[in-house]
Amino acid sequence: MSANPFWEFSLDVYARPGVADACIALQDETGLDVNLILFCLWAGAQGPGRLHQEDLGRALALTSGWQEAVVKPVREARRAAKTVKLAGGAGIFAVAFQRDIAATELSAERVEQWLLFDQVSEAERGERLDADALQLACDNVATYLKAKGVDALQPQLRLETLFLACFPAIGVEEIRRALNIQGP
């Protein structure tokens, strides 16, 4: 299977401190698709650059069926399986099942990321080293929030965590300015 820089970018970002919690909170509190947020960030930093409303509309149309029919039900099953405590042999198999379903959820997320990545041409891929990458990523996320009808003020601090993970060389104050967040 060929490489997917978007998937590698997402794994790298997700592994950074605080990102997993921020992603789960964004997903649970706002109903946003974390894969699409990561796609917006990747597009600004390494992908096609600016995503216009039409681009995100196509991305939403492309992934929404998979997200609703596969990713969300698998996630719900994983969460439900964690709440049931079983003893003895059933408990041992329940733990194995929880691991398996977590792996299945990750595979489902990877399929969605391939759907997004496949729509980006080879010519549009490549890390941006200019200062515009942060602004492009901010604009992309803002376009996605607008498309989903999410008030940008609600998830700002969660997004700050993601942007700090994606752009570690840029200081927190510059990221806050780009996101229009007032510091503590």
Foldseek 3Di string as FASTA:
>chain_A
DDDQVLVVLVVQLCPDPPLVVLLVCCCVVPVDDSLQLSLLLCLLFWFQFAQALVNVVVLCVQCVVLCVPPLVVLVVVLVVLVVDQDDDPVNVVSVVVSVVSVVVNVVSSVVSNCSSRVVTDPVGGGGDPDPRSLLSSLNSNVSSCVVSVHDLVVSLVSVLSSSCSSCVVDDSVVSCVSSVHDDD
